[in-house]
């Protein structure tokens, strides 16, 4: 995971710069399009490490021989990001909401080492 952090930070920084500029200029922004564009730039960047999470799929060959096209690579990487968010975010929110709603549960998770595992 640590190896992916710089890539995620680079993508997020570029996306936030674009969001700020579009919000200042037009008052609105489409995050998904911007993110897909930032990913496409990384997939097509000849200077990016070919072993990175974003670039490695671009080296994948289909069963009949050709490389995956850049749009397919971006779609696959985007799907992994969304899937990772869904499989992490939803269970966390499912657990955190009841924990925060019940008095005393949240502070107890910090005090009682075995409580969260029970």
PDB file of N, CA and C in Angstrom:
ATOM      1  N   UNK A   1       0.819  -1.194   0.000  1.00  0.00           N
ATOM      2  CA  UNK A   1       0.000   0.000   0.000  1.00  0.00           C
ATOM      3  C   UNK A   1       0.865   1.261   0.000  1.00  0.00           C
ATOM      4  N   UNK A   2       1.974   1.222   0.726  1.00  0.00           N
ATOM      5  CA  UNK A   2       2.812   2.412   0.807  1.00  0.00           C
ATOM      6  C   UNK A   2       3.307   2.854  -0.567  1.00  0.00           C
ATOM      7  N   UNK A   3       3.532   1.908  -1.461  1.00  0.00           N
ATOM      8  CA  UNK A   3       4.012   2.251  -2.799  1.00  0.00           C
ATOM      9  C   UNK A   3       2.958   2.986  -3.609  1.00  0.00           C
ATOM     10  N   UNK A   4       1.688   2.804  -3.290  1.00  0.00           N
ATOM     11  CA  UNK A   4       0.600   3.432  -4.031  1.00  0.00           C
ATOM     12  C   UNK A   4       0.338   4.858  -3.551  1.00  0.00           C
ATOM     13  N   UNK A   5       0.731   5.166  -2.335  1.00  0.00           N
ATOM     14  CA  UNK A   5       0.438   6.478  -1.743  1.00  0.00           C
ATOM     15  C   UNK A   5       0.922   7.638  -2.608  1.00  0.00           C
ATOM     16  N   UNK A   6       2.162   7.644  -3.107  1.00  0.00           N
ATOM     17  CA  UNK A   6       2.577   8.782  -3.944  1.00  0.00           C
ATOM     18  C   UNK A   6       1.730   8.948  -5.201  1.00  0.00           C
ATOM     19  N   UNK A   7       1.306   7.853  -5.807  1.00  0.00           N
ATOM     20  CA  UNK A   7       0.468   7.939  -7.003  1.00  0.00           C
ATOM     21  C   UNK A   7      -0.878   8.549  -6.653  1.00  0.00           C
ATOM     22  N   UNK A   8      -1.461   8.094  -5.557  1.00  0.00           N
ATOM     23  CA  UNK A   8      -2.755   8.627  -5.127  1.00  0.00           C
ATOM     24  C   UNK A   8      -2.637  10.110  -4.792  1.00  0.00           C
ATOM     25  N   UNK A   9      -1.555  10.486  -4.109  1.00  0.00           N
ATOM     26  CA  UNK A   9      -1.352  11.896  -3.774  1.00  0.00           C
ATOM     27  C   UNK A   9      -1.184  12.740  -5.031  1.00  0.00           C
ATOM     28  N   UNK A  10      -0.448  12.225  -6.002  1.00  0.00           N
ATOM     29  CA  UNK A  10      -0.252  12.950  -7.260  1.00  0.00           C
ATOM     30  C   UNK A  10      -1.582  13.143  -7.980  1.00  0.00           C
ATOM     31  N   UNK A  11      -2.364  12.096  -8.057  1.00  0.00           N
ATOM     32  CA  UNK A  11      -3.673  12.175  -8.706  1.00  0.00           C
ATOM     33  C   UNK A  11      -4.574  13.158  -7.967  1.00  0.00           C
ATOM     34  N   UNK A  12      -4.615  13.032  -6.645  1.00  0.00           N
ATOM     35  CA  UNK A  12      -5.484  13.902  -5.845  1.00  0.00           C
ATOM     36  C   UNK A  12      -5.071  15.363  -5.966  1.00  0.00           C
ATOM     37  N   UNK A  13      -3.772  15.643  -5.902  1.00  0.00           N
ATOM     38  CA  UNK A  13      -3.304  17.029  -6.029  1.00  0.00           C
ATOM     39  C   UNK A  13      -3.673  17.624  -7.380  1.00  0.00           C
ATOM     40  N   UNK A  14      -3.452  16.874  -8.443  1.00  0.00           N
ATOM     41  CA  UNK A  14      -3.801  17.360  -9.780  1.00  0.00           C
ATOM     42  C   UNK A  14      -5.294  17.575  -9.927  1.00  0.00           C
ATOM     43  N   UNK A  15      -6.065  16.644  -9.399  1.00  0.00           N
ATOM     44  CA  UNK A  15      -7.520  16.757  -9.474  1.00  0.00           C
ATOM     45  C   UNK A  15      -8.021  17.963  -8.687  1.00  0.00           C
ATOM     46  N   UNK A  16      -7.473  18.164  -7.503  1.00  0.00           N
ATOM     47  CA  UNK A  16      -7.902  19.313  -6.693  1.00  0.00           C
ATOM     48  C   UNK A  16      -7.536  20.643  -7.348  1.00  0.00           C
ATOM     49  N   UNK A  17      -6.376  20.689  -8.004  1.00  0.00           N
ATOM     50  CA  UNK A  17      -6.004  21.911  -8.729  1.00  0.00           C
ATOM     51  C   UNK A  17      -7.021  22.203  -9.836  1.00  0.00           C
ATOM     52  N   UNK A  18      -7.406  21.161 -10.547  1.00  0.00           N
ATOM     53  CA  UNK A  18      -8.394  21.320 -11.623  1.00  0.00           C
ATOM     54  C   UNK A  18      -9.749  21.725 -11.061  1.00  0.00           C
ATOM     55  N   UNK A  19     -10.155  21.096  -9.965  1.00  0.00           N
ATOM     56  CA  UNK A  19     -11.438  21.425  -9.334  1.00  0.00           C
ATOM     57  C   UNK A  19     -11.455  22.892  -8.911  1.00  0.00           C
ATOM     58  N   UNK A  20     -10.381  23.330  -8.268  1.00  0.00           N
ATOM     59  CA  UNK A  20     -10.311  24.736  -7.836  1.00  0.00           C
ATOM     60  C   UNK A  20     -10.435  25.686  -9.022  1.00  0.00           C
ATOM     61  N   UNK A  21      -9.701  25.394 -10.087  1.00  0.00           N
ATOM     62  CA  UNK A  21      -9.721  26.259 -11.269  1.00  0.00           C
ATOM     63  C   UNK A  21     -11.107  26.281 -11.910  1.00  0.00           C
ATOM     64  N   UNK A  22     -11.758  25.109 -12.028  1.00  0.00           N
ATOM     65  CA  UNK A  22     -13.088  25.066 -12.643  1.00  0.00           C
ATOM     66  C   UNK A  22     -14.143  25.714 -11.755  1.00  0.00           C
ATOM     67  N   UNK A  23     -14.026  25.536 -10.455  1.00  0.00           N
ATOM     68  CA  UNK A  23     -14.971  26.193  -9.545  1.00  0.00           C
ATOM     69  C   UNK A  23     -14.824  27.702  -9.611  1.00  0.00           C
ATOM     70  N   UNK A  24     -13.585  28.171  -9.663  1.00  0.00           N
ATOM     71  CA  UNK A  24     -13.347  29.617  -9.772  1.00  0.00           C
ATOM     72  C   UNK A  24     -13.889  30.166 -11.094  1.00  0.00           C
ATOM     73  N   UNK A  25     -13.716  29.405 -12.176  1.00  0.00           N
ATOM     74  CA  UNK A  25     -14.118  29.888 -13.497  1.00  0.00           C
ATOM     75  C   UNK A  25     -15.611  29.716 -13.770  1.00  0.00           C
ATOM     76  N   UNK A  26     -16.174  28.558 -13.406  1.00  0.00           N
ATOM     77  CA  UNK A  26     -17.547  28.255 -13.813  1.00  0.00           C
ATOM     78  C   UNK A  26     -18.511  28.023 -12.655  1.00  0.00           C
ATOM     79  N   UNK A  27     -17.974  27.883 -11.459  1.00  0.00           N
ATOM     80  CA  UNK A  27     -18.829  27.635 -10.307  1.00  0.00           C
ATOM     81  C   UNK A  27     -19.275  26.183 -10.158  1.00  0.00           C
ATOM     82  N   UNK A  28     -18.747  25.283 -11.017  1.00  0.00           N
ATOM     83  CA  UNK A  28     -19.100  23.859 -10.917  1.00  0.00           C
ATOM     84  C   UNK A  28     -17.956  23.014 -11.451  1.00  0.00           C
ATOM     85  N   UNK A  29     -18.020  21.684 -11.150  1.00  0.00           N
ATOM     86  CA  UNK A  29     -16.984  20.763 -11.594  1.00  0.00           C
ATOM     87  C   UNK A  29     -17.543  19.344 -11.625  1.00  0.00           C
ATOM     88  N   UNK A  30     -17.071  18.534 -12.580  1.00  0.00           N
ATOM     89  CA  UNK A  30     -17.430  17.124 -12.679  1.00  0.00           C
ATOM     90  C   UNK A  30     -16.227  16.312 -12.216  1.00  0.00           C
ATOM     91  N   UNK A  31     -16.275  15.808 -10.992  1.00  0.00           N
ATOM     92  CA  UNK A  31     -15.132  15.104 -10.414  1.00  0.00           C
ATOM     93  C   UNK A  31     -14.774  13.832 -11.175  1.00  0.00           C
ATOM     94  N   UNK A  32     -15.754  13.072 -11.616  1.00  0.00           N
ATOM     95  CA  UNK A  32     -15.465  11.816 -12.299  1.00  0.00           C
ATOM     96  C   UNK A  32     -14.720  12.043 -13.613  1.00  0.00           C
ATOM     97  N   UNK A  33     -15.156  13.010 -14.381  1.00  0.00           N
ATOM     98  CA  UNK A  33     -14.466  13.299 -15.645  1.00  0.00           C
ATOM     99  C   UNK A  33     -13.045  13.767 -15.386  1.00  0.00           C
ATOM    100  N   UNK A  34     -12.885  14.614 -14.406  1.00  0.00           N
ATOM    101  CA  UNK A  34     -11.554  15.101 -14.061  1.00  0.00           C
ATOM    102  C   UNK A  34     -10.640  13.984 -13.599  1.00  0.00           C
ATOM    103  N   UNK A  35     -11.155  13.089 -12.794  1.00  0.00           N
ATOM    104  CA  UNK A  35     -10.353  11.976 -12.299  1.00  0.00           C
ATOM    105  C   UNK A  35      -9.963  11.053 -13.455  1.00  0.00           C
ATOM    106  N   UNK A  36     -10.891  10.760 -14.334  1.00  0.00           N
ATOM    107  CA  UNK A  36     -10.602   9.898 -15.486  1.00  0.00           C
ATOM    108  C   UNK A  36      -9.552  10.539 -16.393  1.00  0.00           C
ATOM    109  N   UNK A  37      -9.627  11.868 -16.555  1.00  0.00           N
ATOM    110  CA  UNK A  37      -8.652  12.577 -17.377  1.00  0.00           C
ATOM    111  C   UNK A  37      -7.268  12.472 -16.772  1.00  0.00           C
ATOM    112  N   UNK A  38      -7.177  12.774 -15.324  1.00  0.00           N
ATOM    113  CA  UNK A  38      -5.885  12.680 -14.621  1.00  0.00           C
ATOM    114  C   UNK A  38      -5.293  11.290 -14.766  1.00  0.00           C
ATOM    115  N   UNK A  39      -6.179  10.192 -14.698  1.00  0.00           N
ATOM    116  CA  UNK A  39      -5.705   8.816 -14.861  1.00  0.00           C
ATOM    117  C   UNK A  39      -5.190   8.581 -16.277  1.00  0.00           C
ATOM    118  N   UNK A  40      -5.912   9.080 -17.277  1.00  0.00           N
ATOM    119  CA  UNK A  40      -5.504   8.896 -18.675  1.00  0.00           C
ATOM    120  C   UNK A  40      -4.115   9.492 -18.901  1.00  0.00           C
ATOM    121  N   UNK A  41      -3.862  10.638 -18.307  1.00  0.00           N
ATOM    122  CA  UNK A  41      -2.535  11.248 -18.446  1.00  0.00           C
ATOM    123  C   UNK A  41      -1.462  10.334 -17.864  1.00  0.00           C
ATOM    124  N   UNK A  42      -1.731   9.719 -16.728  1.00  0.00           N
ATOM    125  CA  UNK A  42      -0.755   8.824 -16.112  1.00  0.00           C
ATOM    126  C   UNK A  42      -0.559   7.552 -16.926  1.00  0.00           C
ATOM    127  N   UNK A  43      -1.633   6.998 -17.449  1.00  0.00           N
ATOM    128  CA  UNK A  43      -1.535   5.789 -18.272  1.00  0.00           C
ATOM    129  C   UNK A  43      -0.693   6.063 -19.512  1.00  0.00           C
ATOM    130  N   UNK A  44      -0.838   7.242 -20.089  1.00  0.00           N
ATOM    131  CA  UNK A  44      -0.128   7.584 -21.317  1.00  0.00           C
ATOM    132  C   UNK A  44       1.238   8.228 -21.096  1.00  0.00           C
ATOM    133  N   UNK A  45       1.607   8.481 -19.843  1.00  0.00           N
ATOM    134  CA  UNK A  45       2.866   9.161 -19.537  1.00  0.00           C
ATOM    135  C   UNK A  45       4.049   8.208 -19.711  1.00  0.00           C
ATOM    136  N   UNK A  46       4.897   8.428 -20.723  1.00  0.00           N
ATOM    137  CA  UNK A  46       6.031   7.523 -20.949  1.00  0.00           C
ATOM    138  C   UNK A  46       7.085   7.600 -19.842  1.00  0.00           C
ATOM    139  N   UNK A  47       7.036   8.658 -19.035  1.00  0.00           N
ATOM    140  CA  UNK A  47       8.007   8.815 -17.953  1.00  0.00           C
ATOM    141  C   UNK A  47       7.545   8.134 -16.653  1.00  0.00           C
ATOM    142  N   UNK A  48       6.277   7.759 -16.567  1.00  0.00           N
ATOM    143  CA  UNK A  48       5.758   7.112 -15.356  1.00  0.00           C
ATOM    144  C   UNK A  48       6.298   5.690 -15.277  1.00  0.00           C
ATOM    145  N   UNK A  49       6.518   5.234 -14.059  1.00  0.00           N
ATOM    146  CA  UNK A  49       7.019   3.883 -13.836  1.00  0.00           C
ATOM    147  C   UNK A  49       6.040   2.850 -14.401  1.00  0.00           C
ATOM    148  N   UNK A  50       6.557   1.929 -15.181  1.00  0.00           N
ATOM    149  CA  UNK A  50       5.693   0.900 -15.761  1.00  0.00           C
ATOM    150  C   UNK A  50       5.239  -0.113 -14.712  1.00  0.00           C
ATOM    151  N   UNK A  51       5.835  -0.068 -13.529  1.00  0.00           N
ATOM    152  CA  UNK A  51       5.433  -0.978 -12.457  1.00  0.00           C
ATOM    153  C   UNK A  51       4.405  -0.353 -11.523  1.00  0.00           C
ATOM    154  N   UNK A  52       4.000   0.884 -11.787  1.00  0.00           N
ATOM    155  CA  UNK A  52       3.030   1.534 -10.911  1.00  0.00           C
ATOM    156  C   UNK A  52       1.658   0.887 -11.066  1.00  0.00           C
ATOM    157  N   UNK A  53       0.830   1.089 -10.091  1.00  0.00           N
ATOM    158  CA  UNK A  53      -0.523   0.532 -10.098  1.00  0.00           C
ATOM    159  C   UNK A  53      -1.305   0.997 -11.325  1.00  0.00           C
ATOM    160  N   UNK A  54      -1.067   2.225 -11.745  1.00  0.00           N
ATOM    161  CA  UNK A  54      -1.801   2.794 -12.868  1.00  0.00           C
ATOM    162  C   UNK A  54      -1.210   2.339 -14.207  1.00  0.00           C
ATOM    163  N   UNK A  55       0.097   2.222 -14.283  1.00  0.00           N
ATOM    164  CA  UNK A  55       0.739   1.885 -15.565  1.00  0.00           C
ATOM    165  C   UNK A  55       0.865   0.388 -15.820  1.00  0.00           C
ATOM    166  N   UNK A  56       0.939  -0.424 -14.793  1.00  0.00           N
ATOM    167  CA  UNK A  56       1.141  -1.866 -14.980  1.00  0.00           C
ATOM    168  C   UNK A  56       0.071  -2.505 -15.864  1.00  0.00           C
ATOM    169  N   UNK A  57      -1.213  -2.171 -15.713  1.00  0.00           N
ATOM    170  CA  UNK A  57      -2.212  -2.793 -16.600  1.00  0.00           C
ATOM    171  C   UNK A  57      -2.013  -2.451 -18.079  1.00  0.00           C
ATOM    172  N   UNK A  58      -1.349  -1.343 -18.357  1.00  0.00           N
ATOM    173  CA  UNK A  58      -1.114  -0.954 -19.753  1.00  0.00           C
ATOM    174  C   UNK A  58      -0.163  -1.930 -20.446  1.00  0.00           C
ATOM    175  N   UNK A  59       0.573  -2.729 -19.677  1.00  0.00           N
ATOM    176  CA  UNK A  59       1.477  -3.740 -20.249  1.00  0.00           C
ATOM    177  C   UNK A  59       0.773  -5.076 -20.474  1.00  0.00           C
ATOM    178  N   UNK A  60      -0.459  -5.189 -19.973  1.00  0.00           N
ATOM    179  CA  UNK A  60      -1.199  -6.447 -20.071  1.00  0.00           C
ATOM    180  C   UNK A  60      -1.640  -6.709 -21.507  1.00  0.00           C
ATOM    181  N   UNK A  61      -1.456  -7.930 -21.946  1.00  0.00           N
ATOM    182  CA  UNK A  61      -1.884  -8.309 -23.293  1.00  0.00           C
ATOM    183  C   UNK A  61      -3.153  -9.140 -23.217  1.00  0.00           C
ATOM    184  N   UNK A  62      -4.036  -8.900 -24.156  1.00  0.00           N
ATOM    185  CA  UNK A  62      -5.254  -9.682 -24.280  1.00  0.00           C
ATOM    186  C   UNK A  62      -4.903 -11.071 -24.807  1.00  0.00           C
ATOM    187  N   UNK A  63      -5.793 -12.049 -24.658  1.00  0.00           N
ATOM    188  CA  UNK A  63      -5.482 -13.416 -25.114  1.00  0.00           C
ATOM    189  C   UNK A  63      -5.053 -13.514 -26.580  1.00  0.00           C
ATOM    190  N   UNK A  64      -5.566 -12.636 -27.429  1.00  0.00           N
ATOM    191  CA  UNK A  64      -5.176 -12.699 -28.844  1.00  0.00           C
ATOM    192  C   UNK A  64      -3.954 -11.836 -29.169  1.00  0.00           C
ATOM    193  N   UNK A  65      -3.317 -11.251 -28.148  1.00  0.00           N
ATOM    194  CA  UNK A  65      -2.040 -10.578 -28.334  1.00  0.00           C
ATOM    195  C   UNK A  65      -1.928  -9.088 -28.148  1.00  0.00           C
ATOM    196  N   UNK A  66      -2.940  -8.271 -28.510  1.00  0.00           N
ATOM    197  CA  UNK A  66      -2.732  -6.821 -28.388  1.00  0.00           C
ATOM    198  C   UNK A  66      -2.766  -6.346 -26.936  1.00  0.00           C
ATOM    199  N   UNK A  67      -2.110  -5.216 -26.711  1.00  0.00           N
ATOM    200  CA  UNK A  67      -2.147  -4.578 -25.392  1.00  0.00           C
ATOM    201  C   UNK A  67      -3.538  -4.021 -25.125  1.00  0.00           C
ATOM    202  N   UNK A  68      -3.860  -3.886 -23.840  1.00  0.00           N
ATOM    203  CA  UNK A  68      -5.111  -3.203 -23.488  1.00  0.00           C
ATOM    204  C   UNK A  68      -5.035  -1.767 -23.989  1.00  0.00           C
ATOM    205  N   UNK A  69      -6.130  -1.256 -24.487  1.00  0.00           N
ATOM    206  CA  UNK A  69      -6.131   0.139 -24.926  1.00  0.00           C
ATOM    207  C   UNK A  69      -6.210   1.049 -23.689  1.00  0.00           C
ATOM    208  N   UNK A  70      -5.723   2.289 -23.784  1.00  0.00           N
ATOM    209  CA  UNK A  70      -5.686   3.185 -22.629  1.00  0.00           C
ATOM    210  C   UNK A  70      -7.046   3.397 -21.949  1.00  0.00           C
ATOM    211  N   UNK A  71      -8.131   3.479 -22.714  1.00  0.00           N
ATOM    212  CA  UNK A  71      -9.451   3.676 -22.100  1.00  0.00           C
ATOM    213  C   UNK A  71      -9.834   2.482 -21.220  1.00  0.00           C
ATOM    214  N   UNK A  72      -9.493   1.282 -21.655  1.00  0.00           N
ATOM    215  CA  UNK A  72      -9.785   0.084 -20.859  1.00  0.00           C
ATOM    216  C   UNK A  72      -8.939   0.077 -19.588  1.00  0.00           C
ATOM    217  N   UNK A  73      -7.678   0.475 -19.705  1.00  0.00           N
ATOM    218  CA  UNK A  73      -6.802   0.549 -18.529  1.00  0.00           C
ATOM    219  C   UNK A  73      -7.363   1.548 -17.523  1.00  0.00           C
ATOM    220  N   UNK A  74      -7.740   2.727 -17.993  1.00  0.00           N
ATOM    221  CA  UNK A  74      -8.310   3.746 -17.103  1.00  0.00           C
ATOM    222  C   UNK A  74      -9.584   3.220 -16.452  1.00  0.00           C
ATOM    223  N   UNK A  75     -10.435   2.567 -17.220  1.00  0.00           N
ATOM    224  CA  UNK A  75     -11.661   1.997 -16.667  1.00  0.00           C
ATOM    225  C   UNK A  75     -11.384   0.970 -15.584  1.00  0.00           C
ATOM    226  N   UNK A  76     -10.398   0.107 -15.815  1.00  0.00           N
ATOM    227  CA  UNK A  76     -10.061  -0.925 -14.831  1.00  0.00           C
ATOM    228  C   UNK A  76      -9.493  -0.309 -13.555  1.00  0.00           C
ATOM    229  N   UNK A  77      -8.587   0.646 -13.695  1.00  0.00           N
ATOM    230  CA  UNK A  77      -7.992   1.304 -12.526  1.00  0.00           C
ATOM    231  C   UNK A  77      -9.062   2.075 -11.757  1.00  0.00           C
ATOM    232  N   UNK A  78      -9.904   2.781 -12.482  1.00  0.00           N
ATOM    233  CA  UNK A  78     -10.992   3.534 -11.851  1.00  0.00           C
ATOM    234  C   UNK A  78     -11.910   2.584 -11.078  1.00  0.00           C
ATOM    235  N   UNK A  79     -12.233   1.437 -11.687  1.00  0.00           N
ATOM    236  CA  UNK A  79     -13.091   0.453 -11.033  1.00  0.00           C
ATOM    237  C   UNK A  79     -12.455  -0.055  -9.735  1.00  0.00           C
ATOM    238  N   UNK A  80     -11.154  -0.307  -9.755  1.00  0.00           N
ATOM    239  CA  UNK A  80     -10.468  -0.772  -8.541  1.00  0.00           C
ATOM    240  C   UNK A  80     -10.541   0.295  -7.450  1.00  0.00           C
ATOM    241  N   UNK A  81     -10.349   1.555  -7.815  1.00  0.00           N
ATOM    242  CA  UNK A  81     -10.462   2.630  -6.818  1.00  0.00           C
ATOM    243  C   UNK A  81     -11.871   2.681  -6.230  1.00  0.00           C
ATOM    244  N   UNK A  82     -12.880   2.605  -7.087  1.00  0.00           N
ATOM    245  CA  UNK A  82     -14.266   2.655  -6.623  1.00  0.00           C
ATOM    246  C   UNK A  82     -14.592   1.424  -5.780  1.00  0.00           C
ATOM    247  N   UNK A  83     -14.155   0.262  -6.228  1.00  0.00           N
ATOM    248  CA  UNK A  83     -14.413  -0.966  -5.481  1.00  0.00           C
ATOM    249  C   UNK A  83     -13.729  -0.920  -4.114  1.00  0.00           C
ATOM    250  N   UNK A  84     -12.520  -0.402  -4.077  1.00  0.00           N
ATOM    251  CA  UNK A  84     -11.812  -0.276  -2.802  1.00  0.00           C
ATOM    252  C   UNK A  84     -12.534   0.661  -1.853  1.00  0.00           C
ATOM    253  N   UNK A  85     -13.051   1.741  -2.406  1.00  0.00           N
ATOM    254  CA  UNK A  85     -13.805   2.687  -1.582  1.00  0.00           C
ATOM    255  C   UNK A  85     -15.083   2.037  -1.055  1.00  0.00           C
ATOM    256  N   UNK A  86     -15.786   1.329  -1.934  1.00  0.00           N
ATOM    257  CA  UNK A  86     -17.051   0.714  -1.530  1.00  0.00           C
ATOM    258  C   UNK A  86     -16.846  -0.367  -0.475  1.00  0.00           C
ATOM    259  N   UNK A  87     -15.814  -1.184  -0.644  1.00  0.00           N
ATOM    260  CA  UNK A  87     -15.605  -2.280   0.307  1.00  0.00           C
ATOM    261  C   UNK A  87     -15.000  -1.820   1.616  1.00  0.00           C
ATOM    262  N   UNK A  88     -14.463  -0.617   1.651  1.00  0.00           N
ATOM    263  CA  UNK A  88     -13.924  -0.075   2.902  1.00  0.00           C
ATOM    264  C   UNK A  88     -14.893   0.919   3.526  1.00  0.00           C
ATOM    265  N   UNK A  89     -15.385   1.837   2.728  1.00  0.00           N
ATOM    266  CA  UNK A  89     -16.234   2.909   3.251  1.00  0.00           C
ATOM    267  C   UNK A  89     -17.568   2.442   3.798  1.00  0.00           C
ATOM    268  N   UNK A  90     -18.220   1.573   3.089  1.00  0.00           N
ATOM    269  CA  UNK A  90     -19.546   1.125   3.545  1.00  0.00           C
ATOM    270  C   UNK A  90     -19.485   0.355   4.858  1.00  0.00           C
ATOM    271  N   UNK A  91     -18.599  -0.633   4.999  1.00  0.00           N
ATOM    272  CA  UNK A  91     -18.542  -1.315   6.302  1.00  0.00           C
ATOM    273  C   UNK A  91     -18.151  -0.377   7.443  1.00  0.00           C
ATOM    274  N   UNK A  92     -17.236   0.539   7.170  1.00  0.00           N
ATOM    275  CA  UNK A  92     -16.854   1.486   8.224  1.00  0.00           C
ATOM    276  C   UNK A  92     -18.036   2.336   8.652  1.00  0.00           C
ATOM    277  N   UNK A  93     -18.791   2.850   7.674  1.00  0.00           N
ATOM    278  CA  UNK A  93     -19.930   3.687   8.037  1.00  0.00           C
ATOM    279  C   UNK A  93     -21.015   2.868   8.720  1.00  0.00           C
ATOM    280  N   UNK A  94     -21.153   1.612   8.337  1.00  0.00           N
ATOM    281  CA  UNK A  94     -22.139   0.736   8.970  1.00  0.00           C
ATOM    282  C   UNK A  94     -21.794   0.492  10.434  1.00  0.00           C
ATOM    283  N   UNK A  95     -20.524   0.396  10.733  1.00  0.00           N
ATOM    284  CA  UNK A  95     -20.072   0.164  12.105  1.00  0.00           C
ATOM    285  C   UNK A  95     -20.031   1.478  12.891  1.00  0.00           C
ATOM    286  N   UNK A  96     -19.536   2.533  12.276  1.00  0.00           N
ATOM    287  CA  UNK A  96     -19.343   3.790  12.994  1.00  0.00           C
ATOM    288  C   UNK A  96     -20.652   4.469  13.379  1.00  0.00           C
ATOM    289  N   UNK A  97     -21.628   4.423  12.523  1.00  0.00           N
ATOM    290  CA  UNK A  97     -22.881   5.121  12.830  1.00  0.00           C
ATOM    291  C   UNK A  97     -23.513   4.610  14.125  1.00  0.00           C
ATOM    292  N   UNK A  98     -23.717   3.306  14.285  1.00  0.00           N
ATOM    293  CA  UNK A  98     -24.276   2.830  15.557  1.00  0.00           C
ATOM    294  C   UNK A  98     -23.341   3.101  16.742  1.00  0.00           C
ATOM    295  N   UNK A  99     -22.030   3.002  16.503  1.00  0.00           N
ATOM    296  CA  UNK A  99     -21.085   3.241  17.594  1.00  0.00           C
ATOM    297  C   UNK A  99     -21.145   4.682  18.071  1.00  0.00           C
ATOM    298  N   UNK A 100     -21.293   5.613  17.142  1.00  0.00           N
ATOM    299  CA  UNK A 100     -21.365   7.016  17.527  1.00  0.00           C
ATOM    300  C   UNK A 100     -22.719   7.385  18.118  1.00  0.00           C
ATOM    301  N   UNK A 101     -23.760   6.662  17.738  1.00  0.00           N
ATOM    302  CA  UNK A 101     -25.107   6.967  18.227  1.00  0.00           C
ATOM    303  C   UNK A 101     -25.349   6.455  19.646  1.00  0.00           C
ATOM    304  N   UNK A 102     -24.649   5.420  20.045  1.00  0.00           N
ATOM    305  CA  UNK A 102     -24.857   4.842  21.375  1.00  0.00           C
ATOM    306  C   UNK A 102     -23.908   5.498  22.372  1.00  0.00           C
ATOM    307  N   UNK A 103     -24.453   6.141  23.399  1.00  0.00           N
ATOM    308  CA  UNK A 103     -23.606   6.846  24.367  1.00  0.00           C
ATOM    309  C   UNK A 103     -22.571   5.916  25.012  1.00  0.00           C
ATOM    310  N   UNK A 104     -21.346   6.371  25.030  1.00  0.00           N
ATOM    311  CA  UNK A 104     -20.278   5.646  25.703  1.00  0.00           C
ATOM    312  C   UNK A 104     -19.537   4.635  24.855  1.00  0.00           C
ATOM    313  N   UNK A 105     -20.086   4.249  23.712  1.00  0.00           N
ATOM    314  CA  UNK A 105     -19.432   3.222  22.897  1.00  0.00           C
ATOM    315  C   UNK A 105     -18.135   3.745  22.279  1.00  0.00           C
ATOM    316  N   UNK A 106     -18.175   4.915  21.691  1.00  0.00           N
ATOM    317  CA  UNK A 106     -16.987   5.447  21.014  1.00  0.00           C
ATOM    318  C   UNK A 106     -15.809   5.636  21.983  1.00  0.00           C
ATOM    319  N   UNK A 107     -15.996   6.290  23.129  1.00  0.00           N
ATOM    320  CA  UNK A 107     -14.866   6.413  24.063  1.00  0.00           C
ATOM    321  C   UNK A 107     -14.375   5.055  24.566  1.00  0.00           C
ATOM    322  N   UNK A 108     -15.285   4.099  24.693  1.00  0.00           N
ATOM    323  CA  UNK A 108     -14.892   2.775  25.179  1.00  0.00           C
ATOM    324  C   UNK A 108     -13.968   2.072  24.179  1.00  0.00           C
ATOM    325  N   UNK A 109     -14.133   2.313  22.879  1.00  0.00           N
ATOM    326  CA  UNK A 109     -13.253   1.674  21.891  1.00  0.00           C
ATOM    327  C   UNK A 109     -11.802   2.126  22.078  1.00  0.00           C
ATOM    328  N   UNK A 110     -11.610   3.338  22.553  1.00  0.00           N
ATOM    329  CA  UNK A 110     -10.257   3.836  22.787  1.00  0.00           C
ATOM    330  C   UNK A 110      -9.679   3.315  24.110  1.00  0.00           C
ATOM    331  N   UNK A 111     -10.521   3.140  25.099  1.00  0.00           N
ATOM    332  CA  UNK A 111     -10.059   2.704  26.426  1.00  0.00           C
ATOM    333  C   UNK A 111      -9.882   1.189  26.556  1.00  0.00           C
ATOM    334  N   UNK A 112     -10.813   0.446  26.026  1.00  0.00           N
ATOM    335  CA  UNK A 112     -10.885  -0.990  26.250  1.00  0.00           C
ATOM    336  C   UNK A 112     -10.325  -1.720  25.026  1.00  0.00           C
ATOM    337  N   UNK A 113      -9.089  -2.215  25.150  1.00  0.00           N
ATOM    338  CA  UNK A 113      -8.381  -2.819  24.023  1.00  0.00           C
ATOM    339  C   UNK A 113      -9.134  -3.983  23.376  1.00  0.00           C
ATOM    340  N   UNK A 114      -9.843  -4.777  24.130  1.00  0.00           N
ATOM    341  CA  UNK A 114     -10.541  -5.926  23.586  1.00  0.00           C
ATOM    342  C   UNK A 114     -11.956  -5.644  23.143  1.00  0.00           C
ATOM    343  N   UNK A 115     -12.475  -4.456  23.417  1.00  0.00           N
ATOM    344  CA  UNK A 115     -13.888  -4.144  23.132  1.00  0.00           C
ATOM    345  C   UNK A 115     -14.217  -4.213  21.640  1.00  0.00           C
ATOM    346  N   UNK A 116     -13.389  -3.615  20.813  1.00  0.00           N
ATOM    347  CA  UNK A 116     -13.689  -3.559  19.374  1.00  0.00           C
ATOM    348  C   UNK A 116     -13.664  -4.941  18.737  1.00  0.00           C
ATOM    349  N   UNK A 117     -12.905  -5.846  19.282  1.00  0.00           N
ATOM    350  CA  UNK A 117     -12.820  -7.192  18.714  1.00  0.00           C
ATOM    351  C   UNK A 117     -13.904  -8.127  19.216  1.00  0.00           C
ATOM    352  N   UNK A 118     -14.660  -7.680  20.214  1.00  0.00           N
ATOM    353  CA  UNK A 118     -15.657  -8.565  20.825  1.00  0.00           C
ATOM    354  C   UNK A 118     -16.892  -8.726  19.977  1.00  0.00           C
TER     355      UNK A 118
END
